[in-house]
Amino acid sequence: MASLPGSEMSALATHLKLIDLPQGTVLFETGDTIHHVYFPRSGIVSLLVNFTSGEMIETAMVGRDSLVGGLAALNEPISLSKAVVQVAGQASTIDTAPLSQLAQQSASFRTTLIRHQQIILAQAQQSAACNAIHDLAPRLCRLLLRYHDLVESDDVALTQDFLAHMLGVQRSSLTSVANILQRAGSIRCSRGHIHIQDVATIKECACECYEAVRAQSRRLIGSAMRG
């Protein structure tokens, strides 16, 4: 929103409503018709793929740098993934109809929406490749860095069980890797909580996927990120 021209922001603002996003809130399921689009102001929303076995894996993480459900404004109202609030926060929300109308009226706004959807797609593609190629330790570090960027805090209020689900691995595997990082002094683990003690070391350990997605974001919405 910070990247929009004043006239477009004014047209958008008249329809926005500020809401709370409690942790665990499901914004929409895969296959749902999207009726509301969300602009997180704080907190994190995970886009997930669920399997019939009950397992799930995260394909993208959205925070204050983007929006959730933006495809609905581009005449794609059916959700391709499940959207769940991973970290509680607040969001500005808008019905899809006025947002779609603004996208039809403004080429620049439509372009902005498309670029944000491209970033989410880039996250999903990079995540798929990362899960197939990279070891768990660098994948976990990538996830921790993305969380760190969105909440601007060294404290990760997520359980290891939840992180294991996000990464599509067994809890025991995640715990083993977390213990290695903790013994190295990079993180400190407690019940339902991880504290990043050495961001620089975590960056060194993270796979190339972290910087690859950041580079795509800078290319597509660099001004919006600075805003």
Protein backbone atom coordinates (compact mmCIF):
# COMPACT_ATOMS: atom_id res chain seq x y z
CA MET A 1 0.00 0.00 0.00
CA ALA A 2 2.87 2.35 0.78
CA SER A 3 4.02 2.10 -2.84
CA LEU A 4 0.70 3.26 -4.33
CA PRO A 5 0.13 6.78 -5.67
CA GLY A 6 -1.99 9.00 -3.42
CA SER A 7 -5.08 8.82 -5.62
CA GLU A 8 -5.06 5.02 -5.73
CA MET A 9 -4.39 4.75 -2.02
CA SER A 10 -7.32 7.08 -1.32
CA ALA A 11 -9.63 4.98 -3.50
CA LEU A 12 -8.46 1.85 -1.71
CA ALA A 13 -8.62 3.31 1.82
CA THR A 14 -12.37 4.01 1.69
CA HIS A 15 -13.03 0.25 1.51
CA LEU A 16 -10.43 -0.99 4.01
CA LYS A 17 -11.30 -2.38 7.42
CA LEU A 18 -8.73 -3.07 10.14
CA ILE A 19 -9.14 -6.50 11.77
CA ASP A 20 -7.27 -8.72 14.20
CA LEU A 21 -5.74 -11.96 12.93
CA PRO A 22 -5.50 -14.46 15.83
CA GLN A 23 -2.97 -17.24 15.43
CA GLY A 24 -4.47 -20.29 13.73
CA THR A 25 -7.18 -18.36 11.88
CA VAL A 26 -7.94 -19.95 8.50
CA LEU A 27 -8.53 -17.15 5.99
CA PHE A 28 -9.56 -19.60 3.27
CA GLU A 29 -9.14 -23.23 2.27
CA THR A 30 -7.85 -24.60 -1.02
CA GLY A 31 -10.68 -24.37 -3.56
CA ASP A 32 -12.62 -21.73 -1.62
CA THR A 33 -14.00 -18.68 -3.39
CA ILE A 34 -12.06 -15.68 -2.09
CA HIS A 35 -14.39 -12.96 -0.84
CA HIS A 36 -11.88 -10.86 1.09
CA VAL A 37 -8.29 -9.79 0.39
CA TYR A 38 -5.91 -9.16 3.29
CA PHE A 39 -3.05 -6.66 3.64
CA PRO A 40 -1.16 -7.81 6.76
CA ARG A 41 0.15 -4.94 8.89
CA SER A 42 1.78 -7.31 11.35
CA GLY A 43 1.96 -11.04 11.87
CA ILE A 44 2.48 -13.73 9.25
CA VAL A 45 0.14 -15.74 7.02
CA SER A 46 1.29 -19.10 5.68
CA LEU A 47 0.11 -20.46 2.34
CA LEU A 48 -0.10 -24.23 2.67
CA VAL A 49 -0.65 -27.33 0.58
CA ASN A 50 -2.50 -30.11 2.41
CA PHE A 51 -2.25 -33.81 1.60
CA THR A 52 -4.85 -36.53 2.16
CA SER A 53 -2.48 -38.10 4.70
CA GLY A 54 -3.01 -35.05 6.90
CA GLU A 55 0.46 -33.67 6.25
CA MET A 56 0.95 -30.10 5.08
CA ILE A 57 3.83 -28.05 3.73
CA GLU A 58 4.33 -24.31 3.43
CA THR A 59 4.74 -22.88 -0.05
CA ALA A 60 4.94 -19.17 0.83
CA MET A 61 5.01 -16.85 3.83
CA VAL A 62 3.24 -13.47 3.58
CA GLY A 63 3.55 -10.54 5.97
CA ARG A 64 3.52 -6.76 5.86
CA ASP A 65 5.43 -6.84 2.58
CA SER A 66 2.55 -8.22 0.49
CA LEU A 67 -1.12 -9.28 0.43
CA VAL A 68 -3.14 -12.49 0.70
CA GLY A 69 -5.81 -13.39 -1.84
CA GLY A 70 -4.77 -10.82 -4.43
CA LEU A 71 -5.56 -13.14 -7.33
CA ALA A 72 -9.25 -12.56 -6.62
CA ALA A 73 -8.87 -8.99 -7.85
CA LEU A 74 -7.44 -10.36 -11.11
CA ASN A 75 -10.50 -12.46 -11.92
CA GLU A 76 -9.09 -15.59 -10.25
CA PRO A 77 -11.43 -15.92 -7.24
CA ILE A 78 -10.64 -19.57 -6.39
CA SER A 79 -7.88 -20.08 -3.82
CA LEU A 80 -5.02 -22.32 -4.91
CA SER A 81 -3.83 -22.94 -1.34
CA LYS A 82 -4.88 -22.82 2.28
CA ALA A 83 -4.12 -19.55 4.07
CA VAL A 84 -3.53 -19.77 7.82
CA VAL A 85 -2.38 -17.11 10.28
CA GLN A 86 0.97 -18.40 11.51
CA VAL A 87 1.79 -15.42 13.74
CA ALA A 88 -0.98 -13.28 15.21
CA GLY A 89 -1.24 -9.69 14.01
CA GLN A 90 -3.51 -7.22 12.29
CA ALA A 91 -4.51 -6.71 8.68
CA SER A 92 -6.45 -4.30 6.54
CA THR A 93 -9.07 -6.24 4.63
CA ILE A 94 -11.22 -5.36 1.63
CA ASP A 95 -14.00 -7.10 -0.28
CA THR A 96 -12.84 -8.46 -3.62
CA ALA A 97 -15.41 -6.47 -5.67
CA PRO A 98 -14.08 -2.93 -5.03
CA LEU A 99 -10.48 -4.18 -5.26
CA SER A 100 -11.21 -5.81 -8.61
CA GLN A 101 -12.86 -2.62 -9.82
CA LEU A 102 -9.81 -0.57 -8.87
CA ALA A 103 -7.57 -3.07 -10.68
CA GLN A 104 -9.70 -2.72 -13.82
CA GLN A 105 -9.58 1.08 -13.65
CA SER A 106 -5.86 1.48 -12.94
CA ALA A 107 -3.18 -0.20 -15.03
CA SER A 108 -0.48 0.70 -12.49
CA PHE A 109 -2.45 -0.81 -9.61
CA ARG A 110 -3.13 -3.94 -11.66
CA THR A 111 0.59 -4.20 -12.39
CA THR A 112 1.37 -3.89 -8.68
CA LEU A 113 -1.01 -6.73 -7.87
CA ILE A 114 0.49 -8.91 -10.60
CA ARG A 115 4.02 -8.30 -9.31
CA HIS A 116 3.04 -9.32 -5.79
CA GLN A 117 1.48 -12.52 -7.12
CA GLN A 118 4.68 -13.16 -9.07
CA ILE A 119 6.65 -12.94 -5.82
CA ILE A 120 4.36 -15.43 -4.11
CA LEU A 121 4.77 -17.73 -7.12
CA ALA A 122 8.54 -17.27 -6.92
CA GLN A 123 8.43 -18.28 -3.25
CA ALA A 124 6.39 -21.38 -4.07
CA GLN A 125 8.69 -22.42 -6.93
CA GLN A 126 11.83 -21.84 -4.88
CA SER A 127 10.32 -23.74 -1.95
CA ALA A 128 9.53 -26.74 -4.15
CA ALA A 129 13.08 -26.82 -5.52
CA CYS A 130 14.56 -26.23 -2.07
CA ASN A 131 12.61 -29.10 -0.47
CA ALA A 132 13.81 -31.44 -3.19
CA ILE A 133 17.49 -30.50 -3.20
CA HIS A 134 18.69 -28.93 0.04
CA ASP A 135 19.41 -30.44 3.43
CA LEU A 136 17.20 -29.67 6.40
CA ALA A 137 19.62 -27.36 8.25
CA PRO A 138 19.90 -24.72 5.49
CA ARG A 139 16.15 -25.01 4.84
CA LEU A 140 15.39 -24.34 8.50
CA CYS A 141 17.75 -21.35 8.49
CA ARG A 142 16.00 -20.00 5.38
CA LEU A 143 12.65 -20.26 7.17
CA LEU A 144 13.99 -18.56 10.30
CA LEU A 145 15.42 -15.69 8.25
CA ARG A 146 12.14 -15.13 6.41
CA TYR A 147 10.32 -15.05 9.76
CA HIS A 148 12.96 -12.65 11.11
CA ASP A 149 12.49 -10.30 8.16
CA LEU A 150 8.71 -10.15 8.55
CA VAL A 151 8.41 -9.71 12.31
CA GLU A 152 11.69 -7.79 12.75
CA SER A 153 12.48 -9.78 15.86
CA ASP A 154 15.01 -12.40 16.92
CA ASP A 155 12.27 -14.26 18.77
CA VAL A 156 10.47 -16.98 16.80
CA ALA A 157 7.24 -17.87 18.61
CA LEU A 158 6.71 -21.19 16.82
CA THR A 159 6.91 -24.74 18.11
CA GLN A 160 9.35 -27.19 16.59
CA ASP A 161 6.37 -29.39 15.77
CA PHE A 162 4.84 -26.59 13.70
CA LEU A 163 8.16 -25.85 11.97
CA ALA A 164 8.50 -29.54 11.12
CA HIS A 165 5.06 -29.45 9.47
CA MET A 166 6.00 -26.32 7.51
CA LEU A 167 9.15 -27.99 6.23
CA GLY A 168 7.48 -31.34 5.55
CA VAL A 169 9.77 -33.36 7.85
CA GLN A 170 9.47 -35.47 10.98
CA ARG A 171 9.59 -33.67 14.33
CA SER A 172 12.60 -35.78 15.38
CA SER A 173 14.57 -34.65 12.31
CA LEU A 174 13.78 -31.01 13.00
CA THR A 175 14.76 -31.38 16.66
CA SER A 176 18.13 -32.93 15.74
CA VAL A 177 18.98 -30.04 13.41
CA ALA A 178 17.77 -27.44 15.93
CA ASN A 179 19.98 -29.03 18.61
CA ILE A 180 23.01 -28.78 16.31
CA LEU A 181 22.32 -25.09 15.68
CA GLN A 182 21.80 -24.54 19.40
CA ARG A 183 25.11 -26.19 20.33
CA ALA A 184 26.81 -23.96 17.75
CA GLY A 185 25.34 -20.91 19.54
CA SER A 186 23.24 -19.83 16.55
CA ILE A 187 19.84 -20.27 18.23
CA ARG A 188 18.41 -20.95 21.67
CA CYS A 189 15.42 -23.26 21.93
CA SER A 190 12.77 -23.36 24.62
CA ARG A 191 9.24 -24.73 24.72
CA GLY A 192 7.28 -23.25 21.81
CA HIS A 193 9.98 -20.69 21.16
CA ILE A 194 13.26 -20.21 19.26
CA HIS A 195 15.56 -17.23 19.83
CA ILE A 196 17.96 -16.35 17.01
CA GLN A 197 21.21 -15.51 18.78
CA ASP A 198 23.46 -15.04 15.75
CA VAL A 199 21.70 -13.79 12.61
CA ALA A 200 24.96 -13.62 10.65
CA THR A 201 25.68 -17.31 11.26
CA ILE A 202 22.11 -18.26 10.34
CA LYS A 203 22.56 -16.36 7.06
CA GLU A 204 25.77 -18.26 6.37
CA CYS A 205 23.99 -21.55 7.00
CA ALA A 206 20.86 -20.71 4.98
CA CYS A 207 20.59 -22.08 1.46
CA GLU A 208 20.74 -19.89 -1.62
CA CYS A 209 16.93 -19.89 -1.82
CA TYR A 210 16.66 -17.15 0.81
CA GLU A 211 18.65 -14.64 -1.26
CA ALA A 212 17.08 -15.84 -4.53
CA VAL A 213 13.58 -14.89 -3.35
CA ARG A 214 14.83 -11.61 -1.87
CA ALA A 215 16.42 -10.74 -5.22
CA GLN A 216 13.11 -11.40 -7.00
CA SER A 217 11.31 -9.19 -4.46
CA ARG A 218 13.78 -6.35 -4.95
CA ARG A 219 13.42 -6.63 -8.72
CA LEU A 220 9.63 -6.68 -8.74
CA ILE A 221 8.62 -4.47 -5.81
CA GLY A 222 11.80 -2.87 -4.56
CA SER A 223 10.11 0.49 -3.97
CA ALA A 224 7.25 -1.16 -2.10
CA MET A 225 9.69 -3.02 0.15
CA ARG A 226 11.47 0.24 0.98
CA GLY A 227 8.11 1.86 1.67
